[in-house]
Amino acid sequence: MDHLDEALRGISDPIRRRILTLLRDKELAAGAIAEEFEVTRPAISHHLRVLRESGLVAERRNGQNRMYSANREGIEVLKEWFHSFFPIDDHVDRESGT
């Protein structure tokens, strides 16, 4: 599986997309992430593992806690792919109205 396929798999679930949104601007412990959802902690652990394996989330240990943050490099793969649908000239024309 290539990086794009892995990243698309990572965002294919609404819970994982919500986790990414939580991690957009800050690092959070796994427990803090789990508190935001009405699913089991093992389910959140599964989603975090998928996000980590897809390259969208980074994990580090802080004592007994696992801290998670958005991996901008992994997200860049998605951004580039989505931007390929909007050529630069098309984007400029839409902004200027010409």
PDB file of N, CA and C in Angstrom:
ATOM      1  N   MET A   1       0.845  -1.175   0.000  1.00  0.00           N
ATOM      2  CA  MET A   1       0.000   0.000   0.000  1.00  0.00           C
ATOM      3  C   MET A   1       0.894   1.243   0.000  1.00  0.00           C
ATOM      4  N   ASP A   2       0.597   2.218  -0.862  1.00  0.00           N
ATOM      5  CA  ASP A   2       1.423   3.429  -0.888  1.00  0.00           C
ATOM      6  C   ASP A   2       0.942   4.431   0.162  1.00  0.00           C
ATOM      7  N   HIS A   3       1.692   5.517   0.309  1.00  0.00           N
ATOM      8  CA  HIS A   3       1.391   6.499   1.359  1.00  0.00           C
ATOM      9  C   HIS A   3      -0.004   7.096   1.210  1.00  0.00           C
ATOM     10  N   LEU A   4      -0.411   7.376  -0.017  1.00  0.00           N
ATOM     11  CA  LEU A   4      -1.740   7.947  -0.227  1.00  0.00           C
ATOM     12  C   LEU A   4      -2.824   6.963   0.198  1.00  0.00           C
ATOM     13  N   ASP A   5      -2.690   5.705  -0.222  1.00  0.00           N
ATOM     14  CA  ASP A   5      -3.688   4.704   0.163  1.00  0.00           C
ATOM     15  C   ASP A   5      -3.774   4.563   1.673  1.00  0.00           C
ATOM     16  N   GLU A   6      -2.628   4.564   2.338  1.00  0.00           N
ATOM     17  CA  GLU A   6      -2.606   4.458   3.793  1.00  0.00           C
ATOM     18  C   GLU A   6      -3.283   5.663   4.441  1.00  0.00           C
ATOM     19  N   ALA A   7      -2.991   6.852   3.924  1.00  0.00           N
ATOM     20  CA  ALA A   7      -3.595   8.068   4.482  1.00  0.00           C
ATOM     21  C   ALA A   7      -5.104   8.083   4.263  1.00  0.00           C
ATOM     22  N   LEU A   8      -5.548   7.656   3.079  1.00  0.00           N
ATOM     23  CA  LEU A   8      -6.989   7.608   2.812  1.00  0.00           C
ATOM     24  C   LEU A   8      -7.670   6.583   3.716  1.00  0.00           C
ATOM     25  N   ARG A   9      -7.008   5.466   3.966  1.00  0.00           N
ATOM     26  CA  ARG A   9      -7.551   4.487   4.912  1.00  0.00           C
ATOM     27  C   ARG A   9      -7.661   5.127   6.295  1.00  0.00           C
ATOM     28  N   GLY A  10      -6.671   5.929   6.651  1.00  0.00           N
ATOM     29  CA  GLY A  10      -6.676   6.573   7.959  1.00  0.00           C
ATOM     30  C   GLY A  10      -7.863   7.488   8.170  1.00  0.00           C
ATOM     31  N   ILE A  11      -8.281   8.190   7.138  1.00  0.00           N
ATOM     32  CA  ILE A  11      -9.398   9.135   7.296  1.00  0.00           C
ATOM     33  C   ILE A  11     -10.745   8.540   6.881  1.00  0.00           C
ATOM     34  N   SER A  12     -10.775   7.250   6.603  1.00  0.00           N
ATOM     35  CA  SER A  12     -12.013   6.636   6.101  1.00  0.00           C
ATOM     36  C   SER A  12     -13.083   6.456   7.175  1.00  0.00           C
ATOM     37  N   ASP A  13     -12.732   6.648   8.428  1.00  0.00           N
ATOM     38  CA  ASP A  13     -13.692   6.462   9.512  1.00  0.00           C
ATOM     39  C   ASP A  13     -13.977   7.806  10.184  1.00  0.00           C
ATOM     40  N   PRO A  14     -15.242   8.108  10.493  1.00  0.00           N
ATOM     41  CA  PRO A  14     -15.570   9.404  11.108  1.00  0.00           C
ATOM     42  C   PRO A  14     -14.905   9.619  12.470  1.00  0.00           C
ATOM     43  N   ILE A  15     -14.731   8.555  13.235  1.00  0.00           N
ATOM     44  CA  ILE A  15     -14.058   8.718  14.534  1.00  0.00           C
ATOM     45  C   ILE A  15     -12.609   9.128  14.317  1.00  0.00           C
ATOM     46  N   ARG A  16     -11.940   8.530  13.345  1.00  0.00           N
ATOM     47  CA  ARG A  16     -10.543   8.902  13.080  1.00  0.00           C
ATOM     48  C   ARG A  16     -10.438  10.336  12.566  1.00  0.00           C
ATOM     49  N   ARG A  17     -11.390  10.758  11.757  1.00  0.00           N
ATOM     50  CA  ARG A  17     -11.376  12.155  11.303  1.00  0.00           C
ATOM     51  C   ARG A  17     -11.564  13.097  12.480  1.00  0.00           C
ATOM     52  N   ARG A  18     -12.417  12.720  13.407  1.00  0.00           N
ATOM     53  CA  ARG A  18     -12.635  13.558  14.598  1.00  0.00           C
ATOM     54  C   ARG A  18     -11.389  13.590  15.482  1.00  0.00           C
ATOM     55  N   ILE A  19     -10.710  12.450  15.614  1.00  0.00           N
ATOM     56  CA  ILE A  19      -9.454  12.418  16.369  1.00  0.00           C
ATOM     57  C   ILE A  19      -8.444  13.349  15.735  1.00  0.00           C
ATOM     58  N   LEU A  20      -8.324  13.306  14.414  1.00  0.00           N
ATOM     59  CA  LEU A  20      -7.391  14.214  13.728  1.00  0.00           C
ATOM     60  C   LEU A  20      -7.739  15.669  13.996  1.00  0.00           C
ATOM     61  N   THR A  21      -9.011  15.982  14.015  1.00  0.00           N
ATOM     62  CA  THR A  21      -9.437  17.350  14.311  1.00  0.00           C
ATOM     63  C   THR A  21      -9.016  17.746  15.721  1.00  0.00           C
ATOM     64  N   LEU A  22      -9.171  16.839  16.676  1.00  0.00           N
ATOM     65  CA  LEU A  22      -8.739  17.122  18.046  1.00  0.00           C
ATOM     66  C   LEU A  22      -7.240  17.385  18.123  1.00  0.00           C
ATOM     67  N   LEU A  23      -6.482  16.689  17.281  1.00  0.00           N
ATOM     68  CA  LEU A  23      -5.022  16.787  17.326  1.00  0.00           C
ATOM     69  C   LEU A  23      -4.466  17.856  16.392  1.00  0.00           C
ATOM     70  N   ARG A  24      -5.323  18.568  15.731  1.00  0.00           N
ATOM     71  CA  ARG A  24      -4.892  19.552  14.731  1.00  0.00           C
ATOM     72  C   ARG A  24      -3.882  20.547  15.298  1.00  0.00           C
ATOM     73  N   ASP A  25      -4.159  21.074  16.472  1.00  0.00           N
ATOM     74  CA  ASP A  25      -3.319  22.144  17.014  1.00  0.00           C
ATOM     75  C   ASP A  25      -2.652  21.811  18.338  1.00  0.00           C
ATOM     76  N   LYS A  26      -2.844  20.576  18.816  1.00  0.00           N
ATOM     77  CA  LYS A  26      -2.262  20.255  20.118  1.00  0.00           C
ATOM     78  C   LYS A  26      -1.998  18.763  20.243  1.00  0.00           C
ATOM     79  N   GLU A  27      -1.134  18.452  21.171  1.00  0.00           N
ATOM     80  CA  GLU A  27      -0.811  17.078  21.511  1.00  0.00           C
ATOM     81  C   GLU A  27      -1.711  16.660  22.675  1.00  0.00           C
ATOM     82  N   LEU A  28      -2.235  15.444  22.616  1.00  0.00           N
ATOM     83  CA  LEU A  28      -3.111  14.945  23.671  1.00  0.00           C
ATOM     84  C   LEU A  28      -2.722  13.533  24.075  1.00  0.00           C
ATOM     85  N   ALA A  29      -2.956  13.222  25.335  1.00  0.00           N
ATOM     86  CA  ALA A  29      -2.762  11.856  25.818  1.00  0.00           C
ATOM     87  C   ALA A  29      -3.910  10.988  25.314  1.00  0.00           C
ATOM     88  N   ALA A  30      -3.640   9.712  25.189  1.00  0.00           N
ATOM     89  CA  ALA A  30      -4.664   8.779  24.709  1.00  0.00           C
ATOM     90  C   ALA A  30      -5.924   8.854  25.571  1.00  0.00           C
ATOM     91  N   GLY A  31      -5.759   8.961  26.889  1.00  0.00           N
ATOM     92  CA  GLY A  31      -6.909   9.043  27.786  1.00  0.00           C
ATOM     93  C   GLY A  31      -7.756  10.271  27.533  1.00  0.00           C
ATOM     94  N   ALA A  32      -7.112  11.400  27.269  1.00  0.00           N
ATOM     95  CA  ALA A  32      -7.846  12.637  26.981  1.00  0.00           C
ATOM     96  C   ALA A  32      -8.617  12.514  25.674  1.00  0.00           C
ATOM     97  N   ILE A  33      -8.032  11.831  24.710  1.00  0.00           N
ATOM     98  CA  ILE A  33      -8.730  11.607  23.439  1.00  0.00           C
ATOM     99  C   ILE A  33      -9.948  10.721  23.684  1.00  0.00           C
ATOM    100  N   ALA A  34      -9.753   9.638  24.428  1.00  0.00           N
ATOM    101  CA  ALA A  34     -10.842   8.688  24.695  1.00  0.00           C
ATOM    102  C   ALA A  34     -12.021   9.351  25.400  1.00  0.00           C
ATOM    103  N   GLU A  35     -11.737  10.324  26.265  1.00  0.00           N
ATOM    104  CA  GLU A  35     -12.813  11.008  26.996  1.00  0.00           C
ATOM    105  C   GLU A  35     -13.759  11.771  26.074  1.00  0.00           C
ATOM    106  N   GLU A  36     -13.329  12.071  24.878  1.00  0.00           N
ATOM    107  CA  GLU A  36     -14.141  12.833  23.922  1.00  0.00           C
ATOM    108  C   GLU A  36     -15.144  11.963  23.157  1.00  0.00           C
ATOM    109  N   PHE A  37     -15.087  10.650  23.372  1.00  0.00           N
ATOM    110  CA  PHE A  37     -15.909   9.725  22.587  1.00  0.00           C
ATOM    111  C   PHE A  37     -16.718   8.807  23.488  1.00  0.00           C
ATOM    112  N   GLU A  38     -17.820   8.333  22.947  1.00  0.00           N
ATOM    113  CA  GLU A  38     -18.663   7.383  23.661  1.00  0.00           C
ATOM    114  C   GLU A  38     -18.432   5.972  23.123  1.00  0.00           C
ATOM    115  N   VAL A  39     -17.167   5.612  22.955  1.00  0.00           N
ATOM    116  CA  VAL A  39     -16.783   4.264  22.566  1.00  0.00           C
ATOM    117  C   VAL A  39     -15.749   3.782  23.579  1.00  0.00           C
ATOM    118  N   THR A  40     -15.437   2.517  23.543  1.00  0.00           N
ATOM    119  CA  THR A  40     -14.507   1.956  24.516  1.00  0.00           C
ATOM    120  C   THR A  40     -13.082   2.440  24.272  1.00  0.00           C
ATOM    121  N   ARG A  41     -12.280   2.415  25.309  1.00  0.00           N
ATOM    122  CA  ARG A  41     -10.869   2.777  25.162  1.00  0.00           C
ATOM    123  C   ARG A  41     -10.147   1.848  24.181  1.00  0.00           C
ATOM    124  N   PRO A  42     -10.435   0.539  24.198  1.00  0.00           N
ATOM    125  CA  PRO A  42      -9.800  -0.311  23.181  1.00  0.00           C
ATOM    126  C   PRO A  42     -10.158   0.121  21.751  1.00  0.00           C
ATOM    127  N   ALA A  43     -11.377   0.591  21.556  1.00  0.00           N
ATOM    128  CA  ALA A  43     -11.764   1.077  20.220  1.00  0.00           C
ATOM    129  C   ALA A  43     -10.947   2.312  19.855  1.00  0.00           C
ATOM    130  N   ILE A  44     -10.755   3.222  20.801  1.00  0.00           N
ATOM    131  CA  ILE A  44      -9.938   4.419  20.537  1.00  0.00           C
ATOM    132  C   ILE A  44      -8.499   4.010  20.269  1.00  0.00           C
ATOM    133  N   SER A  45      -7.990   3.050  21.028  1.00  0.00           N
ATOM    134  CA  SER A  45      -6.625   2.560  20.798  1.00  0.00           C
ATOM    135  C   SER A  45      -6.479   2.008  19.385  1.00  0.00           C
ATOM    136  N   HIS A  46      -7.493   1.301  18.925  1.00  0.00           N
ATOM    137  CA  HIS A  46      -7.475   0.769  17.551  1.00  0.00           C
ATOM    138  C   HIS A  46      -7.408   1.917  16.543  1.00  0.00           C
ATOM    139  N   HIS A  47      -8.260   2.921  16.720  1.00  0.00           N
ATOM    140  CA  HIS A  47      -8.274   4.050  15.784  1.00  0.00           C
ATOM    141  C   HIS A  47      -6.941   4.800  15.807  1.00  0.00           C
ATOM    142  N   LEU A  48      -6.368   4.971  16.987  1.00  0.00           N
ATOM    143  CA  LEU A  48      -5.071   5.640  17.080  1.00  0.00           C
ATOM    144  C   LEU A  48      -3.980   4.825  16.383  1.00  0.00           C
ATOM    145  N   ARG A  49      -4.053   3.508  16.511  1.00  0.00           N
ATOM    146  CA  ARG A  49      -3.069   2.652  15.835  1.00  0.00           C
ATOM    147  C   ARG A  49      -3.198   2.795  14.312  1.00  0.00           C
ATOM    148  N   VAL A  50      -4.419   2.788  13.806  1.00  0.00           N
ATOM    149  CA  VAL A  50      -4.634   2.952  12.363  1.00  0.00           C
ATOM    150  C   VAL A  50      -4.089   4.307  11.906  1.00  0.00           C
ATOM    151  N   LEU A  51      -4.381   5.354  12.662  1.00  0.00           N
ATOM    152  CA  LEU A  51      -3.882   6.690  12.304  1.00  0.00           C
ATOM    153  C   LEU A  51      -2.356   6.740  12.335  1.00  0.00           C
ATOM    154  N   ARG A  52      -1.764   6.096  13.323  1.00  0.00           N
ATOM    155  CA  ARG A  52      -0.302   6.065  13.422  1.00  0.00           C
ATOM    156  C   ARG A  52       0.298   5.280  12.251  1.00  0.00           C
ATOM    157  N   GLU A  53      -0.259   4.117  11.964  1.00  0.00           N
ATOM    158  CA  GLU A  53       0.246   3.288  10.873  1.00  0.00           C
ATOM    159  C   GLU A  53       0.044   3.944   9.515  1.00  0.00           C
ATOM    160  N   SER A  54      -0.957   4.791   9.401  1.00  0.00           N
ATOM    161  CA  SER A  54      -1.206   5.484   8.134  1.00  0.00           C
ATOM    162  C   SER A  54      -0.344   6.737   7.990  1.00  0.00           C
ATOM    163  N   GLY A  55       0.413   7.064   9.031  1.00  0.00           N
ATOM    164  CA  GLY A  55       1.311   8.213   8.971  1.00  0.00           C
ATOM    165  C   GLY A  55       0.663   9.543   9.290  1.00  0.00           C
ATOM    166  N   LEU A  56      -0.590   9.527   9.751  1.00  0.00           N
ATOM    167  CA  LEU A  56      -1.297  10.774  10.009  1.00  0.00           C
ATOM    168  C   LEU A  56      -1.120  11.283  11.434  1.00  0.00           C
ATOM    169  N   VAL A  57      -0.690  10.400  12.336  1.00  0.00           N
ATOM    170  CA  VAL A  57      -0.528  10.749  13.740  1.00  0.00           C
ATOM    171  C   VAL A  57       0.830  10.257  14.224  1.00  0.00           C
ATOM    172  N   ALA A  58       1.470  11.072  15.043  1.00  0.00           N
ATOM    173  CA  ALA A  58       2.730  10.686  15.677  1.00  0.00           C
ATOM    174  C   ALA A  58       2.450  10.346  17.137  1.00  0.00           C
ATOM    175  N   GLU A  59       3.221   9.411  17.661  1.00  0.00           N
ATOM    176  CA  GLU A  59       3.057   8.989  19.048  1.00  0.00           C
ATOM    177  C   GLU A  59       4.406   9.096  19.766  1.00  0.00           C
ATOM    178  N   ARG A  60       4.363   9.546  21.005  1.00  0.00           N
ATOM    179  CA  ARG A  60       5.562   9.534  21.842  1.00  0.00           C
ATOM    180  C   ARG A  60       5.146   9.158  23.251  1.00  0.00           C
ATOM    181  N   ARG A  61       6.075   8.586  23.959  1.00  0.00           N
ATOM    182  CA  ARG A  61       5.817   8.216  25.358  1.00  0.00           C
ATOM    183  C   ARG A  61       6.246   9.348  26.266  1.00  0.00           C
ATOM    184  N   ASN A  62       5.428   9.594  27.269  1.00  0.00           N
ATOM    185  CA  ASN A  62       5.728  10.576  28.305  1.00  0.00           C
ATOM    186  C   ASN A  62       5.431   9.886  29.635  1.00  0.00           C
ATOM    187  N   GLY A  63       6.439   9.218  30.184  1.00  0.00           N
ATOM    188  CA  GLY A  63       6.204   8.396  31.369  1.00  0.00           C
ATOM    189  C   GLY A  63       5.320   7.226  30.978  1.00  0.00           C
ATOM    190  N   GLN A  64       4.201   7.078  31.660  1.00  0.00           N
ATOM    191  CA  GLN A  64       3.269   5.997  31.336  1.00  0.00           C
ATOM    192  C   GLN A  64       2.235   6.401  30.287  1.00  0.00           C
ATOM    193  N   ASN A  65       2.212   7.664  29.932  1.00  0.00           N
ATOM    194  CA  ASN A  65       1.244   8.154  28.945  1.00  0.00           C
ATOM    195  C   ASN A  65       1.790   8.042  27.534  1.00  0.00           C
ATOM    196  N   ARG A  66       0.868   7.814  26.622  1.00  0.00           N
ATOM    197  CA  ARG A  66       1.197   7.905  25.197  1.00  0.00           C
ATOM    198  C   ARG A  66       0.570   9.191  24.698  1.00  0.00           C
ATOM    199  N   MET A  67       1.417  10.039  24.156  1.00  0.00           N
ATOM    200  CA  MET A  67       0.970  11.336  23.666  1.00  0.00           C
ATOM    201  C   MET A  67       0.848  11.277  22.139  1.00  0.00           C
ATOM    202  N   TYR A  68      -0.202  11.885  21.620  1.00  0.00           N
ATOM    203  CA  TYR A  68      -0.464  11.858  20.181  1.00  0.00           C
ATOM    204  C   TYR A  68      -0.562  13.269  19.634  1.00  0.00           C
ATOM    205  N   SER A  69      -0.070  13.428  18.422  1.00  0.00           N
ATOM    206  CA  SER A  69      -0.161  14.709  17.720  1.00  0.00           C
ATOM    207  C   SER A  69      -0.339  14.426  16.229  1.00  0.00           C
ATOM    208  N   ALA A  70      -0.899  15.400  15.530  1.00  0.00           N
ATOM    209  CA  ALA A  70      -1.051  15.273  14.084  1.00  0.00           C
ATOM    210  C   ALA A  70       0.322  15.287  13.439  1.00  0.00           C
ATOM    211  N   ASN A  71       0.528  14.409  12.484  1.00  0.00           N
ATOM    212  CA  ASN A  71       1.779  14.351  11.729  1.00  0.00           C
ATOM    213  C   ASN A  71       1.576  15.130  10.429  1.00  0.00           C
ATOM    214  N   ARG A  72       2.067  16.340  10.409  1.00  0.00           N
ATOM    215  CA  ARG A  72       1.848  17.227   9.260  1.00  0.00           C
ATOM    216  C   ARG A  72       2.392  16.634   7.960  1.00  0.00           C
ATOM    217  N   GLU A  73       3.488  15.895   8.030  1.00  0.00           N
ATOM    218  CA  GLU A  73       4.046  15.282   6.808  1.00  0.00           C
ATOM    219  C   GLU A  73       3.072  14.272   6.214  1.00  0.00           C
ATOM    220  N   GLY A  74       2.443  13.468   7.064  1.00  0.00           N
ATOM    221  CA  GLY A  74       1.464  12.505   6.581  1.00  0.00           C
ATOM    222  C   GLY A  74       0.231  13.177   6.010  1.00  0.00           C
ATOM    223  N   ILE A  75      -0.201  14.236   6.655  1.00  0.00           N
ATOM    224  CA  ILE A  75      -1.373  14.971   6.187  1.00  0.00           C
ATOM    225  C   ILE A  75      -1.072  15.683   4.867  1.00  0.00           C
ATOM    226  N   GLU A  76       0.168  16.065   4.674  1.00  0.00           N
ATOM    227  CA  GLU A  76       0.578  16.728   3.427  1.00  0.00           C
ATOM    228  C   GLU A  76       0.303  15.839   2.207  1.00  0.00           C
ATOM    229  N   VAL A  77       0.437  14.530   2.366  1.00  0.00           N
ATOM    230  CA  VAL A  77       0.152  13.590   1.270  1.00  0.00           C
ATOM    231  C   VAL A  77      -1.297  13.762   0.814  1.00  0.00           C
ATOM    232  N   LEU A  78      -2.203  13.863   1.766  1.00  0.00           N
ATOM    233  CA  LEU A  78      -3.614  14.069   1.431  1.00  0.00           C
ATOM    234  C   LEU A  78      -3.837  15.430   0.791  1.00  0.00           C
ATOM    235  N   LYS A  79      -3.214  16.440   1.365  1.00  0.00           N
ATOM    236  CA  LYS A  79      -3.370  17.801   0.852  1.00  0.00           C
ATOM    237  C   LYS A  79      -2.929  17.888  -0.612  1.00  0.00           C
ATOM    238  N   GLU A  80      -1.783  17.309  -0.917  1.00  0.00           N
ATOM    239  CA  GLU A  80      -1.283  17.341  -2.302  1.00  0.00           C
ATOM    240  C   GLU A  80      -2.227  16.623  -3.245  1.00  0.00           C
ATOM    241  N   TRP A  81      -2.764  15.486  -2.808  1.00  0.00           N
ATOM    242  CA  TRP A  81      -3.672  14.740  -3.668  1.00  0.00           C
ATOM    243  C   TRP A  81      -4.943  15.541  -3.914  1.00  0.00           C
ATOM    244  N   PHE A  82      -5.532  16.113  -2.856  1.00  0.00           N
ATOM    245  CA  PHE A  82      -6.742  16.910  -3.036  1.00  0.00           C
ATOM    246  C   PHE A  82      -6.479  18.143  -3.896  1.00  0.00           C
ATOM    247  N   HIS A  83      -5.326  18.773  -3.706  1.00  0.00           N
ATOM    248  CA  HIS A  83      -4.994  19.950  -4.519  1.00  0.00           C
ATOM    249  C   HIS A  83      -4.833  19.602  -5.995  1.00  0.00           C
ATOM    250  N   SER A  84      -4.524  18.351  -6.312  1.00  0.00           N
ATOM    251  CA  SER A  84      -4.362  17.969  -7.720  1.00  0.00           C
ATOM    252  C   SER A  84      -5.672  18.097  -8.491  1.00  0.00           C
ATOM    253  N   PHE A  85      -6.788  18.174  -7.780  1.00  0.00           N
ATOM    254  CA  PHE A  85      -8.083  18.351  -8.435  1.00  0.00           C
ATOM    255  C   PHE A  85      -8.372  19.812  -8.773  1.00  0.00           C
ATOM    256  N   PHE A  86      -7.543  20.709  -8.249  1.00  0.00           N
ATOM    257  CA  PHE A  86      -7.761  22.134  -8.446  1.00  0.00           C
ATOM    258  C   PHE A  86      -6.502  22.775  -9.004  1.00  0.00           C
ATOM    259  N   PRO A  87      -6.356  22.769 -10.321  1.00  0.00           N
ATOM    260  CA  PRO A  87      -5.160  23.386 -10.911  1.00  0.00           C
ATOM    261  C   PRO A  87      -5.016  24.839 -10.454  1.00  0.00           C
ATOM    262  N   ILE A  88      -3.797  25.307 -10.366  1.00  0.00           N
ATOM    263  CA  ILE A  88      -3.513  26.656  -9.883  1.00  0.00           C
ATOM    264  C   ILE A  88      -4.255  27.702 -10.703  1.00  0.00           C
ATOM    265  N   ASP A  89      -4.247  27.578 -12.027  1.00  0.00           N
ATOM    266  CA  ASP A  89      -4.934  28.556 -12.878  1.00  0.00           C
ATOM    267  C   ASP A  89      -6.422  28.615 -12.561  1.00  0.00           C
ATOM    268  N   ASP A  90      -7.031  27.459 -12.319  1.00  0.00           N
ATOM    269  CA  ASP A  90      -8.444  27.401 -11.984  1.00  0.00           C
ATOM    270  C   ASP A  90      -8.700  28.114 -10.656  1.00  0.00           C
ATOM    271  N   HIS A  91      -7.828  27.902  -9.695  1.00  0.00           N
ATOM    272  CA  HIS A  91      -7.963  28.520  -8.379  1.00  0.00           C
ATOM    273  C   HIS A  91      -7.852  30.047  -8.495  1.00  0.00           C
ATOM    274  N   VAL A  92      -6.888  30.522  -9.254  1.00  0.00           N
ATOM    275  CA  VAL A  92      -6.688  31.965  -9.429  1.00  0.00           C
ATOM    276  C   VAL A  92      -7.894  32.569 -10.131  1.00  0.00           C
ATOM    277  N   ASP A  93      -8.422  31.896 -11.168  1.00  0.00           N
ATOM    278  CA  ASP A  93      -9.574  32.410 -11.886  1.00  0.00           C
ATOM    279  C   ASP A  93     -10.802  32.519 -10.973  1.00  0.00           C
ATOM    280  N   ARG A  94     -10.990  31.572 -10.098  1.00  0.00           N
ATOM    281  CA  ARG A  94     -12.143  31.604  -9.206  1.00  0.00           C
ATOM    282  C   ARG A  94     -12.031  32.747  -8.207  1.00  0.00           C
ATOM    283  N   GLU A  95     -10.814  33.004  -7.709  1.00  0.00           N
ATOM    284  CA  GLU A  95     -10.629  34.093  -6.743  1.00  0.00           C
ATOM    285  C   GLU A  95     -10.838  35.446  -7.382  1.00  0.00           C
ATOM    286  N   SER A  96     -10.366  35.624  -8.625  1.00  0.00           N
ATOM    287  CA  SER A  96     -10.455  36.934  -9.256  1.00  0.00           C
ATOM    288  C   SER A  96     -11.810  37.135  -9.950  1.00  0.00           C
ATOM    289  N   GLY A  97     -12.531  36.033 -10.142  1.00  0.00           N
ATOM    290  CA  GLY A  97     -13.822  36.137 -10.801  1.00  0.00           C
ATOM    291  C   GLY A  97     -13.721  36.261 -12.307  1.00  0.00           C
ATOM    292  N   THR A  98     -12.530  35.992 -12.841  1.00  0.00           N
ATOM    293  CA  THR A  98     -12.369  36.074 -14.306  1.00  0.00           C
ATOM    294  C   THR A  98     -12.326  34.719 -14.937  1.00  0.00           C
TER     295      THR A  98
END
